[in-house]
C-alpha cells in the first residue's frame, strides 16, 4: 500500500511514538529493581503505546478506525488512575506499604470500556460515517453509543482535573514528609512530576482553547501529527525519570508510625501527614527534655555535618523513638527536621563565611549540604541575604 506524501510524516511519528512506548514498557517489565513501581509504569507505557498506535493501525487496516475509537476512550480514562497509583507508590511510607487501591478507580475505565463495546458492535462503517458527516446512521444503538461517548468525553475533563488536584496535594504532603525525616532531600524530591503535571495542564488548556475556537469562532484543522508529538513528549518525560525514580520515604526503611500514606486509598487520609501525633500522650516536661537532648547532641557531636543525616539516626543517637523526636521538633521547637538541621548547618557556616578564606561551595559541602543551590536557599531563608551580602553587611558594621 502506497501512502500519500502528506500522510508519511504523521505515520512515521505515530510509529516512532508506539515504538518508544513499547521500548519503555519492555525496560520496565525486564528491569531488576524491586523498588520501582513496576506495574503502574507498565500500565502507563502500555496505554501510551496503544494511543500512539492509532494512525498506524488505521493506515494498515482502515476498518481499524472503529477499534481505535473505542481504545482511545478507554486509554484516556485509564491514564489518570494509573498515574495516581504511580505517584502513591513513589510517596508511600515504607517498603511494607502495599497501598490498597480503591475499586472506584476502575469506574471510569469500566464505563469507557462499556461505551467502547457499544461502538465496536455498531454496523460496519458507522463510526466512519459519524466522523465524516457528523450525523447518526440511525438506530437506537448508534444513538446510545454516541451519547455515551459524548458524555464520557465531557466528563473526562472533570475526572482528570480531580486526579490532578489529588496528585498535587499528595506531592505537597510528600514534600512535607521528606522535610520531617531527611536533612537533604534533593534526590528524593519529585519536582519533575510537578513540572510534568504542569506541562500536561498547559497542553490540556491549549487543546480546550483549540476546540472552543474550532466550534465557536472559525474552523481550525489540527494536524494529525500533533497527537503523536504529544504522546512522544509525555512518554519521554515519564521515561526520563520514571525508569529510575524510587520511593523517597521508603529508601531507608520505615520512618514513622504516624504517616498516613499507610491508609487505604479511598479514605480522607490520603494526604501523608494527616492527624499527626493524635495517639501521642507526650507531656510538656518530657517534650522539653527531649528537646534539650536534641540541642545537646547537635552541639556536642555536630551530627548535622553528616549530609545523609536522617530522623531515625538522630532518634537512635538520643535513644528516643523517631515519632517522638518528630513531634518535639514540630510542636516544641516549631520546626521540621529538615529546617532544624539546615539551621544548625547555616550557623556553623557563618564564621567561615565571615572569614572569607574559602569558597562558598567548600563551606556548603563541609557543613553538610549536598549542593551549592541548597545552601544558598537555606542561607537566605535564615539570614534574609545571600552569603556575599551577609558578609558585606557584617564587615561594614552597624553603620
Protein backbone atom coordinates (compact mmCIF):
# COMPACT_ATOMS: atom_id res chain seq x y z
CA UNK A 1 0.00 0.00 0.00
CA UNK A 2 1.39 3.41 -1.06
CA UNK A 3 0.59 6.34 1.19
CA UNK A 4 0.31 9.96 0.01
CA UNK A 5 3.38 12.05 0.86
CA UNK A 6 1.32 14.24 3.17
CA UNK A 7 0.45 11.21 5.30
CA UNK A 8 4.01 9.93 5.61
CA UNK A 9 5.24 12.18 8.45
CA UNK A 10 2.24 11.56 10.77
CA UNK A 11 2.62 7.82 10.20
CA UNK A 12 6.35 7.97 10.92
CA UNK A 13 5.75 9.91 14.13
CA UNK A 14 2.98 7.52 15.18
CA UNK A 15 5.26 4.55 14.56
CA UNK A 16 8.09 6.21 16.49
CA UNK A 17 5.77 7.02 19.40
CA UNK A 18 4.49 3.45 19.52
CA UNK A 19 8.00 2.02 19.43
CA UNK A 20 9.18 4.45 22.09
CA UNK A 21 6.38 3.49 24.50
CA UNK A 22 6.81 -0.24 23.80
CA UNK A 23 10.56 0.02 24.43
CA UNK A 24 9.90 1.71 27.77
CA UNK A 25 7.36 -0.99 28.58
CA UNK A 26 9.97 -3.66 27.82
CA UNK A 27 12.51 -1.93 30.08
CA UNK A 28 10.01 -1.83 32.93
CA UNK A 29 8.95 -5.47 32.53
CA UNK A 30 12.50 -6.81 32.31
CA UNK A 31 14.04 -4.50 34.91
CA UNK A 32 15.60 -5.83 38.10
CA UNK A 33 14.82 -3.03 40.57
CA UNK A 34 12.48 -4.27 43.27
CA UNK A 35 11.52 -0.75 44.42
CA UNK A 36 10.41 0.55 41.03
CA UNK A 37 6.58 0.92 40.89
CA UNK A 38 6.65 -1.57 38.05
CA UNK A 39 3.01 -2.35 37.34
CA UNK A 40 1.94 1.30 37.42
CA UNK A 41 4.65 2.29 34.98
CA UNK A 42 3.93 -0.69 32.75
CA UNK A 43 0.26 0.26 32.62
CA UNK A 44 1.07 3.85 31.63
CA UNK A 45 3.51 2.89 28.89
CA UNK A 46 1.08 0.25 27.62
CA UNK A 47 -1.73 2.80 27.36
CA UNK A 48 0.55 5.34 25.68
CA UNK A 49 1.62 2.71 23.16
CA UNK A 50 -2.00 1.89 22.32
CA UNK A 51 -2.85 5.59 21.91
CA UNK A 52 0.18 6.21 19.71
CA UNK A 53 -0.57 3.19 17.51
CA UNK A 54 -3.90 4.54 16.26
CA UNK A 55 -2.70 6.09 12.98
CA UNK A 56 -0.55 3.02 12.24
CA UNK A 57 -3.43 0.61 12.77
CA UNK A 58 -5.77 2.70 10.62
CA UNK A 59 -3.18 3.07 7.85
CA UNK A 60 -2.65 -0.68 7.71
CA UNK A 61 -6.29 -1.60 8.19
CA UNK A 62 -8.80 1.24 7.60
CA UNK A 63 -11.50 -0.82 9.30
CA UNK A 64 -9.44 -0.44 12.48
CA UNK A 65 -10.92 3.04 12.96
CA UNK A 66 -13.78 1.59 15.00
CA UNK A 67 -11.39 -0.38 17.19
CA UNK A 68 -9.14 2.62 17.84
CA UNK A 69 -12.08 4.95 18.55
CA UNK A 70 -13.04 2.73 21.49
CA UNK A 71 -9.48 2.14 22.67
CA UNK A 72 -8.68 5.85 22.77
CA UNK A 73 -11.56 6.48 25.16
CA UNK A 74 -10.53 3.58 27.41
CA UNK A 75 -6.91 4.75 27.34
CA UNK A 76 -7.77 8.31 28.27
CA UNK A 77 -9.75 7.10 31.28
CA UNK A 78 -7.05 4.62 32.31
CA UNK A 79 -4.17 7.11 32.37
CA UNK A 80 -5.27 9.30 35.33
CA UNK A 81 -5.74 6.43 37.85
CA UNK A 82 -2.55 4.77 36.61
CA UNK A 83 -0.63 7.99 37.14
CA UNK A 84 -2.25 8.44 40.56
CA UNK A 85 -1.24 4.92 41.54
CA UNK A 86 2.31 5.59 40.39
CA UNK A 87 2.54 8.77 42.47
CA UNK A 88 1.13 6.99 45.53
CA UNK A 89 3.68 4.22 45.11
CA UNK A 90 6.53 6.73 44.94
CA UNK A 91 5.31 8.55 48.04
CA UNK A 92 4.46 5.52 50.18
CA UNK A 93 5.70 5.47 53.75
CA UNK A 94 7.94 2.39 53.68
CA UNK A 95 8.71 -0.84 51.85
CA UNK A 96 5.97 -2.77 53.63
CA UNK A 97 3.22 -0.37 52.50
CA UNK A 98 1.24 -2.13 49.75
CA UNK A 99 -1.27 0.71 49.24
CA UNK A 100 -4.66 -0.92 48.73
CA UNK A 101 -6.36 0.53 45.66
CA UNK A 102 -9.99 1.60 45.79
CA UNK A 103 -12.29 -0.07 43.25
CA UNK A 104 -13.65 3.40 42.47
CA UNK A 105 -10.60 3.95 40.30
CA UNK A 106 -11.92 1.25 37.97
CA UNK A 107 -15.25 3.04 37.44
CA UNK A 108 -14.02 5.43 34.76
CA UNK A 109 -12.13 2.87 32.67
CA UNK A 110 -15.02 0.42 33.15
CA UNK A 111 -17.60 2.87 31.81
CA UNK A 112 -15.26 3.78 28.96
CA UNK A 113 -14.87 0.09 28.10
CA UNK A 114 -18.65 -0.40 28.14
CA UNK A 115 -19.03 2.54 25.75
CA UNK A 116 -16.25 1.15 23.58
CA UNK A 117 -18.10 -2.15 23.33
CA UNK A 118 -21.16 -0.23 22.13
CA UNK A 119 -19.03 1.44 19.49
CA UNK A 120 -17.44 -1.85 18.43
CA UNK A 121 -20.83 -3.50 17.95
CA UNK A 122 -22.12 -0.80 15.60
CA UNK A 123 -22.68 -1.83 11.97
CA UNK A 124 -19.61 -1.70 9.72
CA UNK A 125 -18.76 1.82 8.58
CA UNK A 126 -20.92 3.53 11.20
CA UNK A 127 -18.03 5.20 13.02
CA UNK A 128 -16.52 6.45 9.78
CA UNK A 129 -19.96 7.80 8.75
CA UNK A 130 -20.39 9.62 12.08
CA UNK A 131 -16.92 11.18 11.97
CA UNK A 132 -17.26 12.20 8.33
CA UNK A 133 -20.79 13.63 8.32
CA UNK A 134 -21.40 14.41 11.98
CA UNK A 135 -24.75 12.65 11.72
CA UNK A 136 -26.13 9.42 13.19
CA UNK A 137 -26.56 6.46 10.84
CA UNK A 138 -29.90 5.73 12.51
CA UNK A 139 -30.92 3.21 15.16
CA UNK A 140 -31.09 3.24 18.93
CA UNK A 141 -27.75 1.51 19.34
CA UNK A 142 -25.89 4.19 17.38
CA UNK A 143 -27.63 6.97 19.30
CA UNK A 144 -26.82 5.31 22.63
CA UNK A 145 -23.18 4.81 21.67
CA UNK A 146 -22.72 8.40 20.50
CA UNK A 147 -24.45 9.79 23.61
CA UNK A 148 -22.34 7.62 25.92
CA UNK A 149 -19.11 8.65 24.21
CA UNK A 150 -20.11 12.32 24.24
CA UNK A 151 -20.91 12.27 27.97
CA UNK A 152 -17.69 10.44 28.80
CA UNK A 153 -15.57 12.82 26.73
CA UNK A 154 -17.06 15.80 28.60
CA UNK A 155 -16.75 14.04 31.96
CA UNK A 156 -13.10 13.14 31.30
CA UNK A 157 -12.06 16.76 31.78
CA UNK A 158 -13.57 16.84 35.25
CA UNK A 159 -12.21 13.40 36.17
CA UNK A 160 -8.71 14.41 35.05
CA UNK A 161 -8.92 17.68 36.98
CA UNK A 162 -9.87 15.73 40.12
CA UNK A 163 -6.87 13.42 39.75
CA UNK A 164 -4.54 16.35 39.10
CA UNK A 165 -5.77 18.02 42.30
CA UNK A 166 -5.23 14.86 44.34
CA UNK A 167 -1.78 14.25 42.86
CA UNK A 168 -0.60 17.79 43.54
CA UNK A 169 -1.93 17.56 47.11
CA UNK A 170 -0.18 14.23 47.54
CA UNK A 171 3.13 15.64 46.25
CA UNK A 172 2.84 18.62 48.59
CA UNK A 173 2.24 16.33 51.56
CA UNK A 174 5.12 14.10 50.46
CA UNK A 175 7.47 17.08 50.41
CA UNK A 176 6.41 17.96 53.96
CA UNK A 177 7.05 14.35 54.99
CA UNK A 178 10.53 14.47 53.46
CA UNK A 179 11.31 17.58 55.49
CA UNK A 180 10.20 15.75 58.62
CA UNK A 181 12.64 12.90 58.08
CA UNK A 182 15.67 13.94 56.00
CA UNK A 183 18.20 16.75 56.17
CA UNK A 184 18.91 16.66 52.43
CA UNK A 185 16.04 15.89 50.08
CA UNK A 186 17.40 16.66 46.59
CA UNK A 187 17.47 13.06 45.39
CA UNK A 188 14.08 12.29 46.90
CA UNK A 189 12.20 15.33 45.63
CA UNK A 190 9.64 14.72 42.87
CA UNK A 191 9.88 18.15 41.31
CA UNK A 192 9.95 16.59 37.85
CA UNK A 193 6.49 15.14 38.47
CA UNK A 194 5.08 18.55 39.35
CA UNK A 195 6.64 20.03 36.22
CA UNK A 196 5.25 17.18 34.16
CA UNK A 197 1.76 17.77 35.54
CA UNK A 198 2.03 21.49 34.81
CA UNK A 199 3.06 20.66 31.24
CA UNK A 200 0.06 18.34 30.89
CA UNK A 201 -2.24 21.07 32.22
CA UNK A 202 -0.79 23.54 29.70
CA UNK A 203 -1.41 21.10 26.85
CA UNK A 204 -4.93 20.38 28.09
CA UNK A 205 -5.73 24.11 28.20
CA UNK A 206 -4.34 24.55 24.69
CA UNK A 207 -6.50 21.68 23.39
CA UNK A 208 -9.58 23.15 25.07
CA UNK A 209 -8.83 26.54 23.50
CA UNK A 210 -8.48 24.95 20.07
CA UNK A 211 -11.79 23.14 20.49
CA UNK A 212 -13.56 26.33 21.53
CA UNK A 213 -12.04 28.21 18.61
CA UNK A 214 -13.00 25.45 16.19
CA UNK A 215 -16.60 25.27 17.36
CA UNK A 216 -17.43 28.89 18.17
CA UNK A 217 -15.17 31.12 16.08
CA UNK A 218 -13.76 29.51 12.95
CA UNK A 219 -12.95 26.07 11.65
CA UNK A 220 -9.47 25.04 12.73
CA UNK A 221 -7.92 21.84 11.49
CA UNK A 222 -5.38 20.37 13.92
CA UNK A 223 -2.67 18.38 12.09
CA UNK A 224 -2.86 14.66 12.94
CA UNK A 225 0.81 14.61 13.89
CA UNK A 226 0.11 16.83 16.95
CA UNK A 227 -1.31 13.90 18.89
CA UNK A 228 1.74 11.75 18.11
CA UNK A 229 4.13 14.51 19.18
CA UNK A 230 2.29 14.99 22.47
CA UNK A 231 2.32 11.27 23.22
CA UNK A 232 6.04 11.07 22.44
CA UNK A 233 6.73 14.05 24.70
CA UNK A 234 4.69 12.54 27.55
CA UNK A 235 6.44 9.19 27.14
CA UNK A 236 9.86 10.86 27.12
CA UNK A 237 9.12 12.88 30.27
CA UNK A 238 7.90 9.80 32.11
CA UNK A 239 10.81 7.67 30.93
CA UNK A 240 13.50 10.27 31.69
CA UNK A 241 12.99 9.98 35.44
CA UNK A 242 10.29 7.38 35.96
CA UNK A 243 12.51 4.46 34.98
CA UNK A 244 14.97 5.29 37.76
CA UNK A 245 12.85 7.02 40.42
CA UNK A 246 12.43 5.05 43.64
CA UNK A 247 10.18 5.83 46.62
CA UNK A 248 11.86 8.57 48.64
CA UNK A 249 10.43 7.76 52.05
CA UNK A 250 10.92 4.02 51.61
CA UNK A 251 14.55 4.32 50.61
CA UNK A 252 15.83 3.95 54.17
CA UNK A 253 13.12 1.68 55.55
CA UNK A 254 10.21 2.58 57.85
CA UNK A 255 10.34 6.14 59.07
CA UNK A 256 7.47 6.90 61.42
CA UNK A 257 4.37 5.22 62.69
CA UNK A 258 2.10 8.17 62.02
CA UNK A 259 2.49 8.63 58.29
CA UNK A 260 -0.94 8.47 56.76
CA UNK A 261 0.23 7.00 53.46
CA UNK A 262 -0.37 3.59 55.00
CA UNK A 263 -4.11 4.13 54.90
CA UNK A 264 -6.38 2.76 52.14
CA UNK A 265 -6.75 4.87 49.04
CA UNK A 266 -10.39 5.83 49.40
CA UNK A 267 -10.11 7.36 52.87
CA UNK A 268 -9.78 11.02 53.68
CA UNK A 269 -6.24 10.46 54.97
CA UNK A 270 -4.58 10.21 51.57
CA UNK A 271 -2.52 13.27 52.45
CA UNK A 272 0.60 11.94 54.11
CA UNK A 273 0.82 13.75 57.48
CA UNK A 274 -2.87 13.78 58.41
CA UNK A 275 -3.71 13.99 62.13
CA UNK A 276 -0.11 13.68 63.16
CA UNK A 277 0.66 12.57 66.70
CA UNK A 278 -3.01 12.04 67.55
CA UNK A 279 -2.14 8.96 69.63
CA UNK A 280 0.76 10.56 71.45
CA UNK A 281 0.48 11.46 75.14
CA UNK A 282 3.78 13.33 75.31
CA UNK A 283 3.81 15.61 78.35
CA UNK A 284 5.31 19.13 78.08
CA UNK A 285 8.07 18.27 80.58
CA UNK A 286 9.00 15.13 78.64
CA UNK A 287 8.98 17.08 75.38
CA UNK A 288 11.25 19.73 76.90
CA UNK A 289 13.74 17.07 78.00
CA UNK A 290 13.79 15.53 74.52
CA UNK A 291 14.30 18.99 73.00
CA UNK A 292 17.22 19.60 75.34
CA UNK A 293 18.79 16.26 74.35
CA UNK A 294 18.43 17.13 70.68
CA UNK A 295 20.08 20.51 71.19
CA UNK A 296 22.87 18.99 73.32
CA UNK A 297 23.83 16.22 70.91
CA UNK A 298 23.75 18.58 67.95
CA UNK A 299 26.12 20.95 69.75
CA UNK A 300 28.39 18.20 71.10
CA UNK A 301 28.59 15.70 68.23
CA UNK A 302 27.73 18.02 65.32
CA UNK A 303 25.54 15.39 63.69
CA UNK A 304 24.41 17.99 61.17
CA UNK A 305 27.76 17.64 59.38
CA UNK A 306 26.57 14.31 58.00
CA UNK A 307 24.90 15.09 54.64
CA UNK A 308 22.85 11.90 54.96
CA UNK A 309 21.58 12.59 58.45
CA UNK A 310 18.02 11.32 58.88
CA UNK A 311 15.40 11.41 61.60
CA UNK A 312 15.90 7.72 62.53
CA UNK A 313 19.62 8.30 63.04
CA UNK A 314 19.04 11.31 65.28
CA UNK A 315 16.42 9.35 67.21
CA UNK A 316 18.86 6.48 67.68
CA UNK A 317 21.59 8.85 68.86
CA UNK A 318 19.43 10.21 71.69
CA UNK A 319 17.62 6.90 72.35
CA UNK A 320 14.15 8.31 71.70
CA UNK A 321 11.54 6.89 69.28
CA UNK A 322 11.57 8.65 65.92
CA UNK A 323 7.92 9.67 66.09
CA UNK A 324 8.50 11.44 69.43
CA UNK A 325 11.56 13.26 68.05
CA UNK A 326 9.48 14.40 65.08
CA UNK A 327 6.70 15.55 67.42
CA UNK A 328 9.09 17.54 69.58
CA UNK A 329 10.67 19.20 66.56
CA UNK A 330 7.28 20.14 65.11
CA UNK A 331 5.42 21.11 68.26
CA UNK A 332 8.02 22.11 70.84
CA UNK A 333 10.73 23.60 68.63
CA UNK A 334 8.21 24.71 65.96
CA UNK A 335 10.26 23.44 63.04
CA UNK A 336 10.79 20.42 60.80
CA UNK A 337 13.76 18.08 60.93
CA UNK A 338 14.95 19.46 57.58
CA UNK A 339 14.77 23.10 58.69
CA UNK A 340 16.27 22.39 62.10
CA UNK A 341 19.33 20.57 60.74
CA UNK A 342 19.87 23.13 58.00
CA UNK A 343 19.67 25.93 60.55
CA UNK A 344 22.45 24.23 62.50
CA UNK A 345 24.46 23.96 59.30
CA UNK A 346 23.97 27.63 58.48
CA UNK A 347 25.05 28.64 61.99
CA UNK A 348 28.20 26.55 61.56
CA UNK A 349 28.93 28.23 58.23
CA UNK A 350 28.63 31.84 59.44
CA UNK A 351 32.14 32.23 60.96
CA UNK A 352 33.71 30.73 57.82
CA UNK A 353 31.63 32.92 55.51
CA UNK A 354 32.68 35.95 57.55
CA UNK A 355 36.35 34.95 57.35
CA UNK A 356 36.08 34.83 53.56
CA UNK A 357 39.03 32.45 53.16
CA UNK A 358 37.14 29.61 51.45
CA UNK A 359 34.72 29.27 48.58
CA UNK A 360 31.02 29.10 49.32
CA UNK A 361 30.85 25.63 47.75
CA UNK A 362 33.61 24.32 50.02
CA UNK A 363 31.87 25.68 53.10
CA UNK A 364 28.49 24.36 52.00
CA UNK A 365 29.80 20.84 51.49
CA UNK A 366 31.80 20.90 54.72
CA UNK A 367 28.79 21.81 56.88
CA UNK A 368 26.59 19.07 55.41
CA UNK A 369 24.85 20.42 52.31
CA UNK A 370 24.86 18.41 49.11
CA UNK A 371 24.71 21.31 46.69
CA UNK A 372 25.56 24.99 46.45
CA UNK A 373 22.00 25.89 45.43
CA UNK A 374 20.52 24.22 48.52
CA UNK A 375 22.98 26.10 50.72
CA UNK A 376 22.06 29.42 49.15
CA UNK A 377 18.35 28.75 49.65
CA UNK A 378 18.82 27.80 53.31
CA UNK A 379 21.22 30.69 53.94
CA UNK A 380 18.80 33.27 52.54
CA UNK A 381 15.93 31.74 54.50
CA UNK A 382 17.95 32.03 57.73
CA UNK A 383 19.56 35.45 57.21
CA UNK A 384 17.46 37.14 54.55
CA UNK A 385 20.60 37.68 52.48
CA UNK A 386 22.97 35.85 50.18
CA UNK A 387 26.32 34.81 51.70
CA UNK A 388 28.13 37.65 49.91
CA UNK A 389 25.62 40.29 51.01
CA UNK A 390 25.59 38.96 54.57
CA UNK A 391 29.40 39.08 54.78
CA UNK A 392 29.43 42.60 53.34
CA UNK A 393 26.89 43.75 55.91
CA UNK A 394 28.91 42.22 58.76
CA UNK A 395 32.19 43.69 57.55
CA UNK A 396 30.63 47.13 57.08
CA UNK A 397 29.24 47.03 60.61
CA UNK A 398 26.07 48.62 62.01
CA UNK A 399 26.83 51.96 60.46
